[in-house]
C-alpha atoms as a PDB file:
ATOM      1  CA  MET A   1       6.383 -17.743 -12.337  1.00  0.00           C
ATOM      2  CA  GLY A   2       2.652 -18.163 -12.789  1.00  0.00           C
ATOM      3  CA  PHE A   3       0.251 -19.375 -10.126  1.00  0.00           C
ATOM      4  CA  ASP A   4      -3.359 -20.497 -10.261  1.00  0.00           C
ATOM      5  CA  ALA A   5      -5.012 -21.029  -6.883  1.00  0.00           C
ATOM      6  CA  ARG A   6      -7.456 -23.497  -8.404  1.00  0.00           C
ATOM      7  CA  THR A   7      -4.853 -25.933  -9.702  1.00  0.00           C
ATOM      8  CA  ALA A   8      -1.747 -25.258  -7.617  1.00  0.00           C
ATOM      9  CA  GLU A   9       0.105 -27.989  -5.792  1.00  0.00           C
ATOM     10  CA  ARG A  10       2.282 -26.977  -2.893  1.00  0.00           C
ATOM     11  CA  SER A  11       5.995 -27.462  -3.466  1.00  0.00           C
ATOM     12  CA  SER A  12       7.247 -26.520  -0.005  1.00  0.00           C
ATOM     13  CA  GLY A  13       7.043 -28.491   3.184  1.00  0.00           C
ATOM     14  CA  ARG A  14       5.074 -25.803   4.977  1.00  0.00           C
ATOM     15  CA  PRO A  15       1.478 -26.800   5.823  1.00  0.00           C
ATOM     16  CA  ARG A  16      -1.191 -24.886   3.955  1.00  0.00           C
ATOM     17  CA  ARG A  17      -2.858 -22.307   6.144  1.00  0.00           C
ATOM     18  CA  ASP A  18      -6.335 -23.150   7.383  1.00  0.00           C
ATOM     19  CA  VAL A  19      -8.320 -20.141   6.228  1.00  0.00           C
ATOM     20  CA  SER A  20     -11.367 -21.231   8.206  1.00  0.00           C
ATOM     21  CA  ARG A  21      -9.349 -20.621  11.395  1.00  0.00           C
ATOM     22  CA  PRO A  22      -7.907 -17.111  11.083  1.00  0.00           C
ATOM     23  CA  GLY A  23      -4.562 -16.481  12.713  1.00  0.00           C
ATOM     24  CA  VAL A  24      -4.562 -14.758  16.067  1.00  0.00           C
ATOM     25  CA  ALA A  25      -0.838 -14.226  16.559  1.00  0.00           C
ATOM     26  CA  ARG A  26      -0.095 -10.583  17.229  1.00  0.00           C
ATOM     27  CA  ARG A  27       2.907  -8.699  18.417  1.00  0.00           C
ATOM     28  CA  ALA A  28       2.837  -6.889  21.730  1.00  0.00           C
ATOM     29  CA  ARG A  29       0.694  -3.772  21.667  1.00  0.00           C
ATOM     30  CA  ALA A  30       2.610  -0.767  20.463  1.00  0.00           C
ATOM     31  CA  VAL A  31       3.748   1.796  22.995  1.00  0.00           C
ATOM     32  CA  ALA A  32       4.461   5.442  22.322  1.00  0.00           C
ATOM     33  CA  ALA A  33       6.766   5.886  19.353  1.00  0.00           C
ATOM     34  CA  SER A  34       9.272   7.745  21.465  1.00  0.00           C
ATOM     35  CA  ALA A  35       9.472   9.024  25.005  1.00  0.00           C
ATOM     36  CA  PRO A  36       8.322  12.624  25.289  1.00  0.00           C
ATOM     37  CA  GLY A  37      10.740  15.284  26.391  1.00  0.00           C
ATOM     38  CA  ASP A  38      10.246  17.733  29.196  1.00  0.00           C
ATOM     39  CA  ASP A  39       7.877  19.762  27.062  1.00  0.00           C
ATOM     40  CA  GLY A  40       5.684  16.712  26.379  1.00  0.00           C
ATOM     41  CA  VAL A  41       6.554  16.617  22.655  1.00  0.00           C
ATOM     42  CA  PRO A  42       7.739  13.256  21.251  1.00  0.00           C
ATOM     43  CA  ALA A  43      11.463  13.257  20.545  1.00  0.00           C
ATOM     44  CA  ALA A  44      11.033  11.849  17.019  1.00  0.00           C
ATOM     45  CA  LEU A  45       8.442  10.850  14.478  1.00  0.00           C
ATOM     46  CA  PRO A  46       7.668   7.105  14.374  1.00  0.00           C
ATOM     47  CA  GLU A  47       8.840   6.717  10.768  1.00  0.00           C
ATOM     48  CA  PRO A  48      10.272   8.839   7.963  1.00  0.00           C
ATOM     49  CA  VAL A  49       7.826  10.927   5.965  1.00  0.00           C
ATOM     50  CA  THR A  50       8.548   9.411   2.581  1.00  0.00           C
ATOM     51  CA  MET A  51       6.641   7.997  -0.359  1.00  0.00           C
ATOM     52  CA  ARG A  52       9.205   5.274  -1.014  1.00  0.00           C
ATOM     53  CA  LEU A  53       8.266   1.620  -0.531  1.00  0.00           C
ATOM     54  CA  ASP A  54      11.630   0.059  -1.290  1.00  0.00           C
ATOM     55  CA  GLY A  55      11.627  -3.656  -0.539  1.00  0.00           C
ATOM     56  CA  LYS A  56       8.011  -3.755   0.659  1.00  0.00           C
ATOM     57  CA  VAL A  57       5.837  -6.535  -0.764  1.00  0.00           C
ATOM     58  CA  ALA A  58       2.566  -5.184  -2.174  1.00  0.00           C
ATOM     59  CA  LEU A  59      -0.450  -7.121  -3.422  1.00  0.00           C
ATOM     60  CA  VAL A  60      -2.997  -5.465  -5.716  1.00  0.00           C
ATOM     61  CA  THR A  61      -6.202  -7.379  -6.426  1.00  0.00           C
ATOM     62  CA  GLY A  62      -8.351  -6.957  -9.520  1.00  0.00           C
ATOM     63  CA  ALA A  63      -5.526  -5.848 -11.813  1.00  0.00           C
ATOM     64  CA  GLY A  64      -6.390  -7.782 -14.962  1.00  0.00           C
ATOM     65  CA  SER A  65      -7.340  -4.825 -17.174  1.00  0.00           C
ATOM     66  CA  PRO A  66      -4.530  -2.722 -18.709  1.00  0.00           C
ATOM     67  CA  ASP A  67      -6.845   0.307 -18.493  1.00  0.00           C
ATOM     68  CA  GLY A  68      -8.006  -0.227 -14.928  1.00  0.00           C
ATOM     69  CA  ILE A  69      -7.309   1.230 -11.500  1.00  0.00           C
ATOM     70  CA  GLY A  70      -5.589  -1.931 -10.265  1.00  0.00           C
ATOM     71  CA  TYR A  71      -3.096  -1.928 -13.133  1.00  0.00           C
ATOM     72  CA  ALA A  72      -2.325   1.777 -12.667  1.00  0.00           C
ATOM     73  CA  THR A  73      -1.865   1.229  -8.933  1.00  0.00           C
ATOM     74  CA  ALA A  74       0.505  -1.701  -9.442  1.00  0.00           C
ATOM     75  CA  ARG A  75       2.602   0.406 -11.821  1.00  0.00           C
ATOM     76  CA  ARG A  76       2.860   3.258  -9.310  1.00  0.00           C
ATOM     77  CA  LEU A  77       3.729   0.930  -6.424  1.00  0.00           C
ATOM     78  CA  ALA A  78       6.489  -0.673  -8.491  1.00  0.00           C
ATOM     79  CA  ASP A  79       7.818   2.799  -9.350  1.00  0.00           C
ATOM     80  CA  LEU A  80       8.027   3.494  -5.602  1.00  0.00           C
ATOM     81  CA  GLY A  81      10.250   0.453  -5.127  1.00  0.00           C
ATOM     82  CA  ALA A  82       7.741  -2.137  -3.943  1.00  0.00           C
ATOM     83  CA  ARG A  83       7.910  -5.783  -4.967  1.00  0.00           C
ATOM     84  CA  VAL A  84       4.460  -6.097  -6.495  1.00  0.00           C
ATOM     85  CA  ALA A  85       2.093  -9.029  -6.911  1.00  0.00           C
ATOM     86  CA  ILE A  86      -1.140  -8.691  -8.862  1.00  0.00           C
ATOM     87  CA  VAL A  87      -4.103 -11.039  -8.990  1.00  0.00           C
ATOM     88  CA  SER A  88      -7.280 -11.512 -11.015  1.00  0.00           C
ATOM     89  CA  THR A  89      -9.685 -14.326 -11.800  1.00  0.00           C
ATOM     90  CA  THR A  90      -8.307 -15.042 -15.285  1.00  0.00           C
ATOM     91  CA  ARG A  91      -4.946 -15.947 -16.769  1.00  0.00           C
ATOM     92  CA  ARG A  92      -4.728 -12.610 -18.555  1.00  0.00           C
ATOM     93  CA  ILE A  93      -3.137 -11.418 -15.314  1.00  0.00           C
ATOM     94  CA  HIS A  94       0.124 -12.972 -16.502  1.00  0.00           C
ATOM     95  CA  GLU A  95       0.122 -10.647 -19.523  1.00  0.00           C
ATOM     96  CA  ARG A  96      -0.326  -7.661 -17.212  1.00  0.00           C
ATOM     97  CA  ALA A  97       2.417  -8.955 -14.918  1.00  0.00           C
ATOM     98  CA  SER A  98       4.815  -9.304 -17.848  1.00  0.00           C
ATOM     99  CA  GLU A  99       4.056  -5.749 -18.992  1.00  0.00           C
ATOM    100  CA  LEU A 100       4.709  -4.329 -15.531  1.00  0.00           C
ATOM    101  CA  GLY A 101       7.614  -6.569 -14.556  1.00  0.00           C
ATOM    102  CA  VAL A 102       5.732  -7.873 -11.510  1.00  0.00           C
ATOM    103  CA  THR A 103       4.381 -11.269 -10.426  1.00  0.00           C
ATOM    104  CA  GLY A 104       0.909 -12.435 -11.433  1.00  0.00           C
ATOM    105  CA  PHE A 105      -1.468 -14.823  -9.678  1.00  0.00           C
ATOM    106  CA  VAL A 106      -4.859 -16.281 -10.595  1.00  0.00           C
ATOM    107  CA  ALA A 107      -7.471 -16.737  -7.866  1.00  0.00           C
ATOM    108  CA  ASP A 108     -11.175 -16.346  -7.182  1.00  0.00           C
ATOM    109  CA  LEU A 109     -11.113 -13.971  -4.217  1.00  0.00           C
ATOM    110  CA  THR A 110     -14.692 -14.795  -3.241  1.00  0.00           C
ATOM    111  CA  ASP A 111     -13.484 -18.331  -2.430  1.00  0.00           C
ATOM    112  CA  GLU A 112     -12.013 -18.679   1.063  1.00  0.00           C
ATOM    113  CA  SER A 113      -9.693 -21.565   0.187  1.00  0.00           C
ATOM    114  CA  GLU A 114      -8.333 -19.838  -2.924  1.00  0.00           C
ATOM    115  CA  VAL A 115      -7.516 -16.719  -0.913  1.00  0.00           C
ATOM    116  CA  GLY A 116      -5.569 -18.908   1.524  1.00  0.00           C
ATOM    117  CA  ALA A 117      -3.684 -20.572  -1.332  1.00  0.00           C
ATOM    118  CA  LEU A 118      -2.916 -17.156  -2.822  1.00  0.00           C
ATOM    119  CA  ALA A 119      -1.539 -15.880   0.491  1.00  0.00           C
ATOM    120  CA  ASP A 120       0.767 -18.884   0.738  1.00  0.00           C
ATOM    121  CA  ALA A 121       1.946 -18.525  -2.852  1.00  0.00           C
ATOM    122  CA  VAL A 122       2.733 -14.815  -2.533  1.00  0.00           C
ATOM    123  CA  ALA A 123       4.668 -15.451   0.684  1.00  0.00           C
ATOM    124  CA  GLU A 124       6.689 -18.226  -0.953  1.00  0.00           C
ATOM    125  CA  GLN A 125       7.534 -16.280  -4.110  1.00  0.00           C
ATOM    126  CA  LEU A 126       7.890 -12.703  -2.849  1.00  0.00           C
ATOM    127  CA  GLY A 127       7.730 -12.628   0.940  1.00  0.00           C
ATOM    128  CA  ASP A 128       5.225 -11.395   3.491  1.00  0.00           C
ATOM    129  CA  VAL A 129       2.663  -8.909   2.196  1.00  0.00           C
ATOM    130  CA  GLU A 130       3.023  -5.496   3.825  1.00  0.00           C
ATOM    131  CA  VAL A 131       0.821  -3.450   1.479  1.00  0.00           C
ATOM    132  CA  LEU A 132      -2.617  -4.676   0.367  1.00  0.00           C
ATOM    133  CA  VAL A 133      -4.834  -2.886  -2.141  1.00  0.00           C
ATOM    134  CA  ASN A 134      -8.302  -4.439  -2.254  1.00  0.00           C
ATOM    135  CA  ASN A 135      -9.314  -3.265  -5.708  1.00  0.00           C
ATOM    136  CA  ALA A 136     -11.119  -6.425  -6.845  1.00  0.00           C
ATOM    137  CA  GLY A 137     -14.825  -6.010  -7.396  1.00  0.00           C
ATOM    138  CA  LEU A 138     -15.076  -3.081  -9.778  1.00  0.00           C
ATOM    139  CA  ALA A 139     -17.264  -3.910 -12.752  1.00  0.00           C
ATOM    140  CA  SER A 140     -15.804  -4.797 -16.131  1.00  0.00           C
ATOM    141  CA  ARG A 141     -17.124  -5.738 -19.536  1.00  0.00           C
ATOM    142  CA  ALA A 142     -16.578  -9.390 -18.701  1.00  0.00           C
ATOM    143  CA  SER A 143     -18.325  -9.006 -15.338  1.00  0.00           C
ATOM    144  CA  PRO A 144     -20.710  -6.048 -15.558  1.00  0.00           C
ATOM    145  CA  GLU A 145     -22.451  -4.467 -12.614  1.00  0.00           C
ATOM    146  CA  VAL A 146     -25.997  -5.705 -11.989  1.00  0.00           C
ATOM    147  CA  LEU A 147     -28.377  -2.832 -12.725  1.00  0.00           C
ATOM    148  CA  ARG A 148     -31.872  -3.747 -11.603  1.00  0.00           C
ATOM    149  CA  PRO A 149     -34.452  -2.262  -9.211  1.00  0.00           C
ATOM    150  CA  VAL A 150     -34.608  -3.961  -5.830  1.00  0.00           C
ATOM    151  CA  ALA A 151     -38.057  -5.377  -6.607  1.00  0.00           C
ATOM    152  CA  GLN A 152     -36.561  -7.201  -9.612  1.00  0.00           C
ATOM    153  CA  LEU A 153     -33.209  -8.135  -8.085  1.00  0.00           C
ATOM    154  CA  SER A 154     -32.709 -11.845  -7.518  1.00  0.00           C
ATOM    155  CA  TYR A 155     -31.074 -13.147  -4.372  1.00  0.00           C
ATOM    156  CA  ASP A 156     -28.209 -14.609  -6.395  1.00  0.00           C
ATOM    157  CA  GLU A 157     -27.599 -11.245  -8.074  1.00  0.00           C
ATOM    158  CA  TRP A 158     -27.600  -9.517  -4.688  1.00  0.00           C
ATOM    159  CA  ARG A 159     -25.160 -12.036  -3.206  1.00  0.00           C
ATOM    160  CA  GLY A 160     -22.963 -11.850  -6.271  1.00  0.00           C
ATOM    161  CA  GLU A 161     -22.520  -8.080  -5.963  1.00  0.00           C
ATOM    162  CA  ILE A 162     -21.917  -8.278  -2.205  1.00  0.00           C
ATOM    163  CA  ASP A 163     -19.381 -11.083  -2.588  1.00  0.00           C
ATOM    164  CA  ARG A 164     -17.520  -9.439  -5.463  1.00  0.00           C
ATOM    165  CA  ASN A 165     -17.304  -6.001  -3.884  1.00  0.00           C
ATOM    166  CA  LEU A 166     -17.239  -6.631  -0.123  1.00  0.00           C
ATOM    167  CA  THR A 167     -16.448 -10.256   0.674  1.00  0.00           C
ATOM    168  CA  THR A 168     -13.261 -10.098  -1.403  1.00  0.00           C
ATOM    169  CA  ALA A 169     -11.970  -7.213   0.728  1.00  0.00           C
ATOM    170  CA  PHE A 170     -12.862  -9.066   3.936  1.00  0.00           C
ATOM    171  CA  LEU A 171     -11.207 -12.348   2.933  1.00  0.00           C
ATOM    172  CA  CYS A 172      -8.031 -10.740   1.611  1.00  0.00           C
ATOM    173  CA  SER A 173      -7.672  -8.429   4.596  1.00  0.00           C
ATOM    174  CA  ARG A 174      -8.179 -11.296   7.034  1.00  0.00           C
ATOM    175  CA  ALA A 175      -5.527 -13.347   5.261  1.00  0.00           C
ATOM    176  CA  PHE A 176      -2.778 -10.755   5.796  1.00  0.00           C
ATOM    177  CA  ILE A 177      -3.541  -8.663   8.894  1.00  0.00           C
ATOM    178  CA  SER A 178      -2.033 -11.061  11.422  1.00  0.00           C
ATOM    179  CA  GLY A 179       1.304 -10.979   9.625  1.00  0.00           C
ATOM    180  CA  MET A 180       1.220  -7.194   9.381  1.00  0.00           C
ATOM    181  CA  ALA A 181       0.451  -6.947  13.107  1.00  0.00           C
ATOM    182  CA  GLU A 182       3.312  -9.283  14.013  1.00  0.00           C
ATOM    183  CA  ARG A 183       5.763  -7.132  12.018  1.00  0.00           C
ATOM    184  CA  GLY A 184       4.325  -3.880  13.353  1.00  0.00           C
ATOM    185  CA  TRP A 185       3.769  -2.233   9.970  1.00  0.00           C
ATOM    186  CA  GLY A 186       1.221  -2.482   7.189  1.00  0.00           C
ATOM    187  CA  ARG A 187      -1.004  -0.606   4.792  1.00  0.00           C
ATOM    188  CA  ILE A 188      -4.444  -1.649   3.560  1.00  0.00           C
ATOM    189  CA  VAL A 189      -6.374   0.446   1.046  1.00  0.00           C
ATOM    190  CA  ASN A 190      -9.875  -0.642   0.071  1.00  0.00           C
ATOM    191  CA  LEU A 191     -11.646   0.535  -3.066  1.00  0.00           C
ATOM    192  CA  ALA A 192     -15.049   1.921  -2.200  1.00  0.00           C
ATOM    193  CA  ALA A 193     -17.010   4.225  -4.525  1.00  0.00           C
ATOM    194  CA  THR A 194     -19.073   7.369  -4.268  1.00  0.00           C
ATOM    195  CA  ALA A 195     -22.091   5.161  -4.987  1.00  0.00           C
ATOM    196  CA  GLY A 196     -23.215   3.959  -1.566  1.00  0.00           C
ATOM    197  CA  PRO A 197     -21.060   5.920   0.889  1.00  0.00           C
ATOM    198  CA  VAL A 198     -21.841   9.328  -0.693  1.00  0.00           C
ATOM    199  CA  ASN A 199     -24.788   9.005  -3.063  1.00  0.00           C
ATOM    200  CA  ALA A 200     -26.699   6.469  -5.109  1.00  0.00           C
ATOM    201  CA  LEU A 201     -28.599   5.970  -8.318  1.00  0.00           C
ATOM    202  CA  PRO A 202     -31.670   3.840  -9.019  1.00  0.00           C
ATOM    203  CA  THR A 203     -31.021   0.198  -9.934  1.00  0.00           C
ATOM    204  CA  GLU A 204     -27.661  -0.028  -8.115  1.00  0.00           C
ATOM    205  CA  ALA A 205     -28.761  -1.028  -4.599  1.00  0.00           C
ATOM    206  CA  ALA A 206     -26.552  -4.116  -4.362  1.00  0.00           C
ATOM    207  CA  TYR A 207     -23.430  -2.317  -5.545  1.00  0.00           C
ATOM    208  CA  ALA A 208     -24.134   0.701  -3.341  1.00  0.00           C
ATOM    209  CA  ALA A 209     -24.744  -1.498  -0.300  1.00  0.00           C
ATOM    210  CA  ALA A 210     -21.497  -3.389  -0.907  1.00  0.00           C
ATOM    211  CA  LYS A 211     -19.427  -0.221  -1.292  1.00  0.00           C
ATOM    212  CA  ALA A 212     -20.968   1.310   1.824  1.00  0.00           C
ATOM    213  CA  GLY A 213     -20.017  -1.935   3.544  1.00  0.00           C
ATOM    214  CA  VAL A 214     -16.432  -1.520   2.354  1.00  0.00           C
ATOM    215  CA  VAL A 215     -16.262   1.794   4.224  1.00  0.00           C
ATOM    216  CA  GLY A 216     -17.685   0.194   7.362  1.00  0.00           C
ATOM    217  CA  LEU A 217     -15.148  -2.624   7.129  1.00  0.00           C
ATOM    218  CA  THR A 218     -12.378  -0.071   6.600  1.00  0.00           C
ATOM    219  CA  ARG A 219     -13.243   1.916   9.710  1.00  0.00           C
ATOM    220  CA  ALA A 220     -13.735  -1.092  11.972  1.00  0.00           C
ATOM    221  CA  LEU A 221     -10.510  -2.739  10.827  1.00  0.00           C
ATOM    222  CA  ALA A 222      -8.610   0.540  11.211  1.00  0.00           C
ATOM    223  CA  MET A 223      -9.558   0.658  14.879  1.00  0.00           C
ATOM    224  CA  GLU A 224      -8.661  -2.995  15.396  1.00  0.00           C
ATOM    225  CA  MET A 225      -5.196  -2.550  13.847  1.00  0.00           C
ATOM    226  CA  ILE A 226      -4.286   0.930  15.052  1.00  0.00           C
ATOM    227  CA  ALA A 227      -2.064  -0.285  17.899  1.00  0.00           C
ATOM    228  CA  ASP A 228      -0.122  -2.568  15.563  1.00  0.00           C
ATOM    229  CA  GLY A 229       1.287  -0.001  13.145  1.00  0.00           C
ATOM    230  CA  VAL A 230      -1.212  -0.888  10.425  1.00  0.00           C
ATOM    231  CA  THR A 231      -3.331   1.768   8.720  1.00  0.00           C
ATOM    232  CA  VAL A 232      -6.550   0.974   6.859  1.00  0.00           C
ATOM    233  CA  ASN A 233      -8.172   3.482   4.524  1.00  0.00           C
ATOM    234  CA  ALA A 234     -10.578   3.611   1.601  1.00  0.00           C
ATOM    235  CA  VAL A 235     -10.548   5.467  -1.701  1.00  0.00           C
ATOM    236  CA  ALA A 236     -13.925   6.256  -3.272  1.00  0.00           C
ATOM    237  CA  PRO A 237     -13.734   7.023  -7.000  1.00  0.00           C
ATOM    238  CA  GLY A 238     -16.505   8.835  -8.793  1.00  0.00           C
ATOM    239  CA  THR A 239     -16.847   8.559 -12.568  1.00  0.00           C
ATOM    240  CA  ILE A 240     -13.577   7.174 -13.918  1.00  0.00           C
ATOM    241  CA  TYR A 241     -12.878   6.625 -17.597  1.00  0.00           C
ATOM    242  CA  THR A 242     -11.782   3.041 -18.218  1.00  0.00           C
ATOM    243  CA  ALA A 243     -12.203   0.535 -21.032  1.00  0.00           C
ATOM    244  CA  ALA A 244     -15.380  -0.656 -19.286  1.00  0.00           C
ATOM    245  CA  SER A 245     -16.979   2.811 -19.192  1.00  0.00           C
ATOM    246  CA  THR A 246     -20.347   3.176 -20.901  1.00  0.00           C
ATOM    247  CA  MET A 247     -21.333   6.218 -22.917  1.00  0.00           C
ATOM    248  CA  ALA A 248     -23.724   7.221 -20.135  1.00  0.00           C
ATOM    249  CA  GLU A 249     -20.881   7.115 -17.604  1.00  0.00           C
ATOM    250  CA  ILE A 250     -18.634   9.199 -19.831  1.00  0.00           C
ATOM    251  CA  LYS A 251     -21.365  11.807 -20.232  1.00  0.00           C
ATOM    252  CA  GLN A 252     -21.845  11.780 -16.482  1.00  0.00           C
ATOM    253  CA  GLY A 253     -18.145  12.519 -16.095  1.00  0.00           C
ATOM    254  CA  LEU A 254     -18.396  15.464 -18.474  1.00  0.00           C
ATOM    255  CA  GLY A 255     -20.982  16.949 -16.116  1.00  0.00           C
ATOM    256  CA  THR A 256     -18.657  17.066 -13.092  1.00  0.00           C
ATOM    257  CA  PRO A 257     -17.270  20.406 -11.869  1.00  0.00           C
ATOM    258  CA  VAL A 258     -13.900  19.476 -13.404  1.00  0.00           C
ATOM    259  CA  GLY A 259     -15.671  18.865 -16.711  1.00  0.00           C
ATOM    260  CA  ARG A 260     -14.390  15.361 -17.433  1.00  0.00           C
ATOM    261  CA  PRO A 261     -14.235  11.859 -15.976  1.00  0.00           C
ATOM    262  CA  GLY A 262     -11.257  10.954 -13.833  1.00  0.00           C
ATOM    263  CA  THR A 263      -8.501   8.603 -14.945  1.00  0.00           C
ATOM    264  CA  PRO A 264      -7.313   5.360 -13.347  1.00  0.00           C
ATOM    265  CA  ASP A 265      -3.917   6.936 -12.737  1.00  0.00           C
ATOM    266  CA  GLU A 266      -5.492   9.791 -10.777  1.00  0.00           C
ATOM    267  CA  VAL A 267      -7.186   7.261  -8.490  1.00  0.00           C
ATOM    268  CA  ALA A 268      -3.967   5.249  -8.282  1.00  0.00           C
ATOM    269  CA  ALA A 269      -2.107   8.363  -7.116  1.00  0.00           C
ATOM    270  CA  ALA A 270      -4.454   8.641  -4.126  1.00  0.00           C
ATOM    271  CA  ILE A 271      -4.171   4.923  -3.375  1.00  0.00           C
ATOM    272  CA  THR A 272      -0.382   4.858  -3.472  1.00  0.00           C
ATOM    273  CA  PHE A 273      -0.140   7.886  -1.180  1.00  0.00           C
ATOM    274  CA  LEU A 274      -2.214   6.041   1.434  1.00  0.00           C
ATOM    275  CA  CYS A 275       0.049   3.000   0.958  1.00  0.00           C
ATOM    276  CA  SER A 276       3.179   5.016   1.683  1.00  0.00           C
ATOM    277  CA  PRO A 277       5.005   5.749   4.952  1.00  0.00           C
ATOM    278  CA  ALA A 278       4.062   9.407   4.354  1.00  0.00           C
ATOM    279  CA  ALA A 279       0.446   8.540   5.256  1.00  0.00           C
ATOM    280  CA  SER A 280       1.349   7.148   8.670  1.00  0.00           C
ATOM    281  CA  TYR A 281      -1.058   9.452  10.559  1.00  0.00           C
ATOM    282  CA  ILE A 282      -4.078   8.687   8.361  1.00  0.00           C
ATOM    283  CA  THR A 283      -6.304   5.722   9.165  1.00  0.00           C
ATOM    284  CA  GLY A 284      -9.994   4.863   9.042  1.00  0.00           C
ATOM    285  CA  GLN A 285     -10.608   7.500   6.367  1.00  0.00           C
ATOM    286  CA  MET A 286     -12.367   7.578   2.998  1.00  0.00           C
ATOM    287  CA  LEU A 287     -10.762   9.762   0.322  1.00  0.00           C
ATOM    288  CA  VAL A 288     -13.210  10.753  -2.419  1.00  0.00           C
ATOM    289  CA  VAL A 289     -11.747  11.128  -5.913  1.00  0.00           C
ATOM    290  CA  ASP A 290     -14.587  12.514  -8.015  1.00  0.00           C
ATOM    291  CA  GLY A 291     -13.614  15.896  -9.422  1.00  0.00           C
ATOM    292  CA  GLY A 292     -15.668  17.698  -6.784  1.00  0.00           C
ATOM    293  CA  ASN A 293     -18.922  16.154  -7.947  1.00  0.00           C
ATOM    294  CA  SER A 294     -20.092  15.068  -4.487  1.00  0.00           C
ATOM    295  CA  VAL A 295     -19.740  18.530  -2.928  1.00  0.00           C
ATOM    296  CA  ARG A 296     -21.520  20.560  -5.591  1.00  0.00           C
ATOM    297  CA  GLU A 297     -24.962  21.654  -4.474  1.00  0.00           C
ATOM    298  CA  ALA A 298     -26.370  22.338  -7.942  1.00  0.00           C
ATOM    299  CA  LYS A 299     -25.204  22.415 -11.526  1.00  0.00           C
ATOM    300  CA  PHE A 300     -24.402  25.814 -12.888  1.00  0.00           C
ATOM    301  CA  ARG A 301     -22.376  27.390 -15.674  1.00  0.00           C
END
């Protein structure tokens, strides 16, 4: 069933959530996973070390491109048994959903009210979201990154990059964290980038600032949710070959230590690991996926 947050009418009797008043309901603070024995070692791990996500409801934002990271992530999550929802700003998301056998939604994730409507719709059709991948914001051919020196960057261009890359992650996270806390389990993975948190190039100040902000949001939220069984991490891709890649970006990828750009599926593999129960002891971290480019001191043969 399709859904468009801009035109949807509610069919259930439940009141629409007021997204301007974030929920504050939380379960009791978690205690130790198990009582320690005489030697002080916990009697059991808090959850099985497994990659499976059977029955979990997962939402992946920014999954409209068949060659993108969001699409690859949704495919991997479905393979792990999750019930997957995907969302983008255009109705092409329904084509992607049909290809993957998942549920598609249309919403502008920079709009507070549309994020609230999306959260309600996903809950009604699939259930409560337990895994959230904030992938929305990466540039595409339809919505290219603004490349302009700071002195020439307009305020609207600056705000647009911040909203697309950072505000989306904030609004979507805020919409689902209370429910995750109440249930005592959740996974949030935010898409950062090497640009900003690790390095930067001229003309990309707005994008770099937004992606650095994503890491800050990730770490702060991880500490807020740590007692509630919810982990929050970030994945920072380097040069990744997608349909939106420019020739300059492809050449940049050829210059990495690995000798090629990365693929969306390689980034998706890192994301899905952090979404899994196996990553239960990892939170507040940024995993760089860049073929070793950020650790090389100098180019050499």
